[in-house]
Amino acid sequence: MAIDGSKFKALNSKKRNFNQQKLKKKIKEIEEKIEDYFKDLEENDVKELSCSPRGAGQPFEYILTVVPLLGLQRS
């Protein structure tokens, strides 16, 4: 089909065709993946805090005490 010299091609394959039911299913799948991702992030954060050597549970305070010491070692 040509309109004003522009060419348009209609594609309606199963991969490109969406209806309400398919959209709802796809949105649900994406939301589940996001929830799994956040769950994994939270689990890894807990593991990181429990496995860190010094300063476990207080990473910010640990950094504040270590950074000045590192600066002194360079001098």
PDB file of N, CA and C in Angstrom:
ATOM      1  N   MET A   1       0.843  -1.159   0.000  1.00  0.00           N
ATOM      2  CA  MET A   1       0.000   0.000   0.000  1.00  0.00           C
ATOM      3  C   MET A   1       0.899   1.236   0.000  1.00  0.00           C
ATOM      4  N   ALA A   2       0.567   2.209  -0.785  1.00  0.00           N
ATOM      5  CA  ALA A   2       1.338   3.446  -0.861  1.00  0.00           C
ATOM      6  C   ALA A   2       0.414   4.629  -0.616  1.00  0.00           C
ATOM      7  N   ILE A   3       0.861   5.496   0.291  1.00  0.00           N
ATOM      8  CA  ILE A   3       0.110   6.712   0.592  1.00  0.00           C
ATOM      9  C   ILE A   3       1.090   7.875   0.452  1.00  0.00           C
ATOM     10  N   ASP A   4       0.830   8.775  -0.432  1.00  0.00           N
ATOM     11  CA  ASP A   4       1.700   9.938  -0.660  1.00  0.00           C
ATOM     12  C   ASP A   4       3.148   9.535  -0.907  1.00  0.00           C
ATOM     13  N   GLY A   5       3.358   8.444  -1.581  1.00  0.00           N
ATOM     14  CA  GLY A   5       4.715   8.013  -1.877  1.00  0.00           C
ATOM     15  C   GLY A   5       5.363   7.225  -0.743  1.00  0.00           C
ATOM     16  N   SER A   6       4.728   7.159   0.414  1.00  0.00           N
ATOM     17  CA  SER A   6       5.265   6.379   1.530  1.00  0.00           C
ATOM     18  C   SER A   6       4.767   4.956   1.414  1.00  0.00           C
ATOM     19  N   LYS A   7       5.635   4.015   1.748  1.00  0.00           N
ATOM     20  CA  LYS A   7       5.250   2.606   1.671  1.00  0.00           C
ATOM     21  C   LYS A   7       5.066   2.055   3.085  1.00  0.00           C
ATOM     22  N   PHE A   8       3.955   1.414   3.298  1.00  0.00           N
ATOM     23  CA  PHE A   8       3.654   0.791   4.572  1.00  0.00           C
ATOM     24  C   PHE A   8       3.410  -0.684   4.340  1.00  0.00           C
ATOM     25  N   LYS A   9       3.902  -1.479   5.256  1.00  0.00           N
ATOM     26  CA  LYS A   9       3.715  -2.913   5.140  1.00  0.00           C
ATOM     27  C   LYS A   9       3.000  -3.401   6.394  1.00  0.00           C
ATOM     28  N   ALA A  10       1.932  -4.111   6.232  1.00  0.00           N
ATOM     29  CA  ALA A  10       1.173  -4.617   7.367  1.00  0.00           C
ATOM     30  C   ALA A  10       1.744  -5.957   7.805  1.00  0.00           C
ATOM     31  N   LEU A  11       2.043  -6.050   9.087  1.00  0.00           N
ATOM     32  CA  LEU A  11       2.543  -7.295   9.659  1.00  0.00           C
ATOM     33  C   LEU A  11       1.630  -7.689  10.810  1.00  0.00           C
ATOM     34  N   ASN A  12       1.199  -8.924  10.817  1.00  0.00           N
ATOM     35  CA  ASN A  12       0.331  -9.381  11.891  1.00  0.00           C
ATOM     36  C   ASN A  12       0.674 -10.823  12.240  1.00  0.00           C
ATOM     37  N   SER A  13       1.931 -11.047  12.562  1.00  0.00           N
ATOM     38  CA  SER A  13       2.339 -12.393  12.939  1.00  0.00           C
ATOM     39  C   SER A  13       1.926 -12.665  14.376  1.00  0.00           C
ATOM     40  N   LYS A  14       2.044 -13.902  14.818  1.00  0.00           N
ATOM     41  CA  LYS A  14       1.648 -14.250  16.182  1.00  0.00           C
ATOM     42  C   LYS A  14       2.511 -13.521  17.212  1.00  0.00           C
ATOM     43  N   LYS A  15       3.773 -13.265  16.886  1.00  0.00           N
ATOM     44  CA  LYS A  15       4.666 -12.567  17.809  1.00  0.00           C
ATOM     45  C   LYS A  15       4.315 -11.087  17.937  1.00  0.00           C
ATOM     46  N   ARG A  16       3.784 -10.503  16.900  1.00  0.00           N
ATOM     47  CA  ARG A  16       3.492  -9.060  16.897  1.00  0.00           C
ATOM     48  C   ARG A  16       2.030  -8.737  17.177  1.00  0.00           C
ATOM     49  N   ASN A  17       1.209  -9.738  17.276  1.00  0.00           N
ATOM     50  CA  ASN A  17      -0.217  -9.531  17.490  1.00  0.00           C
ATOM     51  C   ASN A  17      -0.517  -9.599  18.982  1.00  0.00           C
ATOM     52  N   PHE A  18      -1.119  -8.555  19.533  1.00  0.00           N
ATOM     53  CA  PHE A  18      -1.474  -8.511  20.951  1.00  0.00           C
ATOM     54  C   PHE A  18      -2.949  -8.202  21.104  1.00  0.00           C
ATOM     55  N   ASN A  19      -3.575  -8.859  22.066  1.00  0.00           N
ATOM     56  CA  ASN A  19      -4.943  -8.550  22.449  1.00  0.00           C
ATOM     57  C   ASN A  19      -4.963  -8.381  23.965  1.00  0.00           C
ATOM     58  N   GLN A  20      -6.121  -8.103  24.532  1.00  0.00           N
ATOM     59  CA  GLN A  20      -6.224  -7.833  25.971  1.00  0.00           C
ATOM     60  C   GLN A  20      -5.689  -9.002  26.793  1.00  0.00           C
ATOM     61  N   GLN A  21      -6.068 -10.205  26.413  1.00  0.00           N
ATOM     62  CA  GLN A  21      -5.668 -11.389  27.170  1.00  0.00           C
ATOM     63  C   GLN A  21      -4.147 -11.585  27.123  1.00  0.00           C
ATOM     64  N   LYS A  22      -3.561 -11.437  25.947  1.00  0.00           N
ATOM     65  CA  LYS A  22      -2.115 -11.589  25.813  1.00  0.00           C
ATOM     66  C   LYS A  22      -1.364 -10.503  26.584  1.00  0.00           C
ATOM     67  N   LEU A  23      -1.887  -9.282  26.539  1.00  0.00           N
ATOM     68  CA  LEU A  23      -1.243  -8.186  27.263  1.00  0.00           C
ATOM     69  C   LEU A  23      -1.295  -8.423  28.766  1.00  0.00           C
ATOM     70  N   LYS A  24      -2.429  -8.854  29.287  1.00  0.00           N
ATOM     71  CA  LYS A  24      -2.545  -9.134  30.711  1.00  0.00           C
ATOM     72  C   LYS A  24      -1.570 -10.226  31.133  1.00  0.00           C
ATOM     73  N   LYS A  25      -1.457 -11.269  30.325  1.00  0.00           N
ATOM     74  CA  LYS A  25      -0.547 -12.373  30.619  1.00  0.00           C
ATOM     75  C   LYS A  25       0.902 -11.887  30.603  1.00  0.00           C
ATOM     76  N   LYS A  26       1.239 -11.104  29.618  1.00  0.00           N
ATOM     77  CA  LYS A  26       2.611 -10.595  29.504  1.00  0.00           C
ATOM     78  C   LYS A  26       2.954  -9.659  30.667  1.00  0.00           C
ATOM     79  N   ILE A  27       2.027  -8.786  31.041  1.00  0.00           N
ATOM     80  CA  ILE A  27       2.250  -7.874  32.170  1.00  0.00           C
ATOM     81  C   ILE A  27       2.429  -8.665  33.459  1.00  0.00           C
ATOM     82  N   LYS A  28       1.629  -9.707  33.646  1.00  0.00           N
ATOM     83  CA  LYS A  28       1.755 -10.546  34.840  1.00  0.00           C
ATOM     84  C   LYS A  28       3.121 -11.222  34.879  1.00  0.00           C
ATOM     85  N   GLU A  29       3.583 -11.748  33.755  1.00  0.00           N
ATOM     86  CA  GLU A  29       4.900 -12.383  33.691  1.00  0.00           C
ATOM     87  C   GLU A  29       6.016 -11.391  34.020  1.00  0.00           C
ATOM     88  N   ILE A  30       5.917 -10.195  33.496  1.00  0.00           N
ATOM     89  CA  ILE A  30       6.933  -9.171  33.756  1.00  0.00           C
ATOM     90  C   ILE A  30       6.936  -8.782  35.225  1.00  0.00           C
ATOM     91  N   GLU A  31       5.756  -8.609  35.809  1.00  0.00           N
ATOM     92  CA  GLU A  31       5.671  -8.263  37.230  1.00  0.00           C
ATOM     93  C   GLU A  31       6.256  -9.362  38.110  1.00  0.00           C
ATOM     94  N   GLU A  32       6.034 -10.628  37.743  1.00  0.00           N
ATOM     95  CA  GLU A  32       6.610 -11.740  38.496  1.00  0.00           C
ATOM     96  C   GLU A  32       8.134 -11.735  38.401  1.00  0.00           C
ATOM     97  N   LYS A  33       8.658 -11.443  37.216  1.00  0.00           N
ATOM     98  CA  LYS A  33      10.112 -11.369  37.049  1.00  0.00           C
ATOM     99  C   LYS A  33      10.702 -10.237  37.893  1.00  0.00           C
ATOM    100  N   ILE A  34      10.008  -9.109  37.949  1.00  0.00           N
ATOM    101  CA  ILE A  34      10.478  -7.981  38.744  1.00  0.00           C
ATOM    102  C   ILE A  34      10.474  -8.343  40.229  1.00  0.00           C
ATOM    103  N   GLU A  35       9.416  -9.003  40.683  1.00  0.00           N
ATOM    104  CA  GLU A  35       9.334  -9.426  42.085  1.00  0.00           C
ATOM    105  C   GLU A  35      10.457 -10.397  42.421  1.00  0.00           C
ATOM    106  N   ASP A  36      10.730 -11.347  41.530  1.00  0.00           N
ATOM    107  CA  ASP A  36      11.828 -12.292  41.749  1.00  0.00           C
ATOM    108  C   ASP A  36      13.167 -11.564  41.813  1.00  0.00           C
ATOM    109  N   TYR A  37      13.330 -10.584  40.953  1.00  0.00           N
ATOM    110  CA  TYR A  37      14.570  -9.806  40.930  1.00  0.00           C
ATOM    111  C   TYR A  37      14.765  -9.056  42.244  1.00  0.00           C
ATOM    112  N   PHE A  38      13.719  -8.385  42.733  1.00  0.00           N
ATOM    113  CA  PHE A  38      13.815  -7.660  43.999  1.00  0.00           C
ATOM    114  C   PHE A  38      14.067  -8.614  45.162  1.00  0.00           C
ATOM    115  N   LYS A  39      13.449  -9.788  45.115  1.00  0.00           N
ATOM    116  CA  LYS A  39      13.658 -10.790  46.161  1.00  0.00           C
ATOM    117  C   LYS A  39      15.120 -11.239  46.174  1.00  0.00           C
ATOM    118  N   ASP A  40      15.671 -11.493  45.004  1.00  0.00           N
ATOM    119  CA  ASP A  40      17.081 -11.882  44.900  1.00  0.00           C
ATOM    120  C   ASP A  40      18.002 -10.769  45.396  1.00  0.00           C
ATOM    121  N   LEU A  41      17.683  -9.523  45.060  1.00  0.00           N
ATOM    122  CA  LEU A  41      18.487  -8.398  45.544  1.00  0.00           C
ATOM    123  C   LEU A  41      18.474  -8.335  47.066  1.00  0.00           C
ATOM    124  N   GLU A  42      17.303  -8.497  47.645  1.00  0.00           N
ATOM    125  CA  GLU A  42      17.182  -8.436  49.100  1.00  0.00           C
ATOM    126  C   GLU A  42      17.967  -9.571  49.762  1.00  0.00           C
ATOM    127  N   GLU A  43      17.863 -10.773  49.211  1.00  0.00           N
ATOM    128  CA  GLU A  43      18.599 -11.910  49.760  1.00  0.00           C
ATOM    129  C   GLU A  43      20.111 -11.676  49.682  1.00  0.00           C
ATOM    130  N   ASN A  44      20.572 -11.144  48.562  1.00  0.00           N
ATOM    131  CA  ASN A  44      22.002 -10.876  48.413  1.00  0.00           C
ATOM    132  C   ASN A  44      22.469  -9.785  49.367  1.00  0.00           C
ATOM    133  N   ASP A  45      21.631  -8.779  49.614  1.00  0.00           N
ATOM    134  CA  ASP A  45      21.994  -7.732  50.572  1.00  0.00           C
ATOM    135  C   ASP A  45      22.167  -8.321  51.966  1.00  0.00           C
ATOM    136  N   VAL A  46      21.254  -9.209  52.351  1.00  0.00           N
ATOM    137  CA  VAL A  46      21.345  -9.833  53.672  1.00  0.00           C
ATOM    138  C   VAL A  46      22.606 -10.696  53.757  1.00  0.00           C
ATOM    139  N   LYS A  47      22.900 -11.452  52.710  1.00  0.00           N
ATOM    140  CA  LYS A  47      24.112 -12.286  52.696  1.00  0.00           C
ATOM    141  C   LYS A  47      25.362 -11.428  52.783  1.00  0.00           C
ATOM    142  N   GLU A  48      25.380 -10.327  52.050  1.00  0.00           N
ATOM    143  CA  GLU A  48      26.535  -9.433  52.064  1.00  0.00           C
ATOM    144  C   GLU A  48      26.795  -8.896  53.461  1.00  0.00           C
ATOM    145  N   LEU A  49      25.759  -8.440  54.131  1.00  0.00           N
ATOM    146  CA  LEU A  49      25.920  -7.877  55.468  1.00  0.00           C
ATOM    147  C   LEU A  49      26.361  -8.935  56.469  1.00  0.00           C
ATOM    148  N   SER A  50      25.851 -10.159  56.324  1.00  0.00           N
ATOM    149  CA  SER A  50      26.205 -11.188  57.292  1.00  0.00           C
ATOM    150  C   SER A  50      27.590 -11.769  57.028  1.00  0.00           C
ATOM    151  N   CYS A  51      28.090 -11.660  55.802  1.00  0.00           N
ATOM    152  CA  CYS A  51      29.389 -12.241  55.458  1.00  0.00           C
ATOM    153  C   CYS A  51      30.525 -11.230  55.511  1.00  0.00           C
ATOM    154  N   SER A  52      30.222  -9.953  55.597  1.00  0.00           N
ATOM    155  CA  SER A  52      31.288  -8.968  55.589  1.00  0.00           C
ATOM    156  C   SER A  52      32.086  -9.086  56.883  1.00  0.00           C
ATOM    157  N   PRO A  53      33.407  -8.924  56.793  1.00  0.00           N
ATOM    158  CA  PRO A  53      34.260  -9.138  57.965  1.00  0.00           C
ATOM    159  C   PRO A  53      33.946  -8.171  59.100  1.00  0.00           C
ATOM    160  N   ARG A  54      34.604  -7.091  59.160  1.00  0.00           N
ATOM    161  CA  ARG A  54      34.344  -6.114  60.211  1.00  0.00           C
ATOM    162  C   ARG A  54      33.234  -5.177  59.765  1.00  0.00           C
ATOM    163  N   GLY A  55      32.511  -4.660  60.716  1.00  0.00           N
ATOM    164  CA  GLY A  55      31.491  -3.678  60.382  1.00  0.00           C
ATOM    165  C   GLY A  55      30.212  -4.281  59.865  1.00  0.00           C
ATOM    166  N   ALA A  56      29.993  -5.569  60.122  1.00  0.00           N
ATOM    167  CA  ALA A  56      28.760  -6.198  59.652  1.00  0.00           C
ATOM    168  C   ALA A  56      27.565  -5.529  60.316  1.00  0.00           C
ATOM    169  N   GLY A  57      26.631  -5.129  59.516  1.00  0.00           N
ATOM    170  CA  GLY A  57      25.451  -4.457  60.030  1.00  0.00           C
ATOM    171  C   GLY A  57      25.632  -2.954  60.148  1.00  0.00           C
ATOM    172  N   GLN A  58      26.872  -2.478  60.075  1.00  0.00           N
ATOM    173  CA  GLN A  58      27.153  -1.050  60.174  1.00  0.00           C
ATOM    174  C   GLN A  58      28.178  -0.658  59.113  1.00  0.00           C
ATOM    175  N   PRO A  59      27.891  -0.894  57.850  1.00  0.00           N
ATOM    176  CA  PRO A  59      28.894  -0.644  56.810  1.00  0.00           C
ATOM    177  C   PRO A  59      29.306   0.819  56.700  1.00  0.00           C
ATOM    178  N   PHE A  60      28.386   1.747  56.910  1.00  0.00           N
ATOM    179  CA  PHE A  60      28.720   3.155  56.760  1.00  0.00           C
ATOM    180  C   PHE A  60      29.710   3.593  57.834  1.00  0.00           C
ATOM    181  N   GLU A  61      29.458   3.185  59.069  1.00  0.00           N
ATOM    182  CA  GLU A  61      30.360   3.543  60.157  1.00  0.00           C
ATOM    183  C   GLU A  61      31.743   2.926  59.944  1.00  0.00           C
ATOM    184  N   TYR A  62      31.749   1.704  59.444  1.00  0.00           N
ATOM    185  CA  TYR A  62      33.014   1.018  59.167  1.00  0.00           C
ATOM    186  C   TYR A  62      33.819   1.790  58.121  1.00  0.00           C
ATOM    187  N   ILE A  63      33.164   2.252  57.084  1.00  0.00           N
ATOM    188  CA  ILE A  63      33.847   3.015  56.031  1.00  0.00           C
ATOM    189  C   ILE A  63      34.397   4.317  56.598  1.00  0.00           C
ATOM    190  N   LEU A  64      33.624   4.974  57.449  1.00  0.00           N
ATOM    191  CA  LEU A  64      34.085   6.233  58.035  1.00  0.00           C
ATOM    192  C   LEU A  64      35.335   6.037  58.891  1.00  0.00           C
ATOM    193  N   THR A  65      35.485   4.885  59.516  1.00  0.00           N
ATOM    194  CA  THR A  65      36.680   4.645  60.334  1.00  0.00           C
ATOM    195  C   THR A  65      37.859   4.176  59.500  1.00  0.00           C
ATOM    196  N   VAL A  66      37.623   3.460  58.416  1.00  0.00           N
ATOM    197  CA  VAL A  66      38.712   2.891  57.622  1.00  0.00           C
ATOM    198  C   VAL A  66      39.300   3.898  56.644  1.00  0.00           C
ATOM    199  N   VAL A  67      38.498   4.728  56.040  1.00  0.00           N
ATOM    200  CA  VAL A  67      38.983   5.654  55.016  1.00  0.00           C
ATOM    201  C   VAL A  67      40.073   6.581  55.554  1.00  0.00           C
ATOM    202  N   PRO A  68      39.912   7.198  56.710  1.00  0.00           N
ATOM    203  CA  PRO A  68      40.999   8.040  57.217  1.00  0.00           C
ATOM    204  C   PRO A  68      42.282   7.249  57.470  1.00  0.00           C
ATOM    205  N   LEU A  69      42.145   5.994  57.914  1.00  0.00           N
ATOM    206  CA  LEU A  69      43.319   5.163  58.150  1.00  0.00           C
ATOM    207  C   LEU A  69      44.059   4.874  56.849  1.00  0.00           C
ATOM    208  N   LEU A  70      43.324   4.649  55.791  1.00  0.00           N
ATOM    209  CA  LEU A  70      43.956   4.418  54.505  1.00  0.00           C
ATOM    210  C   LEU A  70      44.704   5.642  54.019  1.00  0.00           C
ATOM    211  N   GLY A  71      44.158   6.811  54.283  1.00  0.00           N
ATOM    212  CA  GLY A  71      44.813   8.050  53.920  1.00  0.00           C
ATOM    213  C   GLY A  71      46.108   8.232  54.683  1.00  0.00           C
ATOM    214  N   LEU A  72      46.147   7.807  55.929  1.00  0.00           N
ATOM    215  CA  LEU A  72      47.360   7.915  56.735  1.00  0.00           C
ATOM    216  C   LEU A  72      48.441   6.971  56.239  1.00  0.00           C
ATOM    217  N   GLN A  73      48.059   5.818  55.730  1.00  0.00           N
ATOM    218  CA  GLN A  73      49.035   4.853  55.243  1.00  0.00           C
ATOM    219  C   GLN A  73      49.734   5.345  53.991  1.00  0.00           C
ATOM    220  N   ARG A  74      49.099   6.159  53.199  1.00  0.00           N
ATOM    221  CA  ARG A  74      49.711   6.692  51.974  1.00  0.00           C
ATOM    222  C   ARG A  74      50.764   7.732  52.295  1.00  0.00           C
ATOM    223  N   SER A  75      50.616   8.447  53.371  1.00  0.00           N
ATOM    224  CA  SER A  75      51.527   9.536  53.695  1.00  0.00           C
ATOM    225  C   SER A  75      52.899   9.033  54.071  1.00  0.00           C
TER     226      SER A  75
END
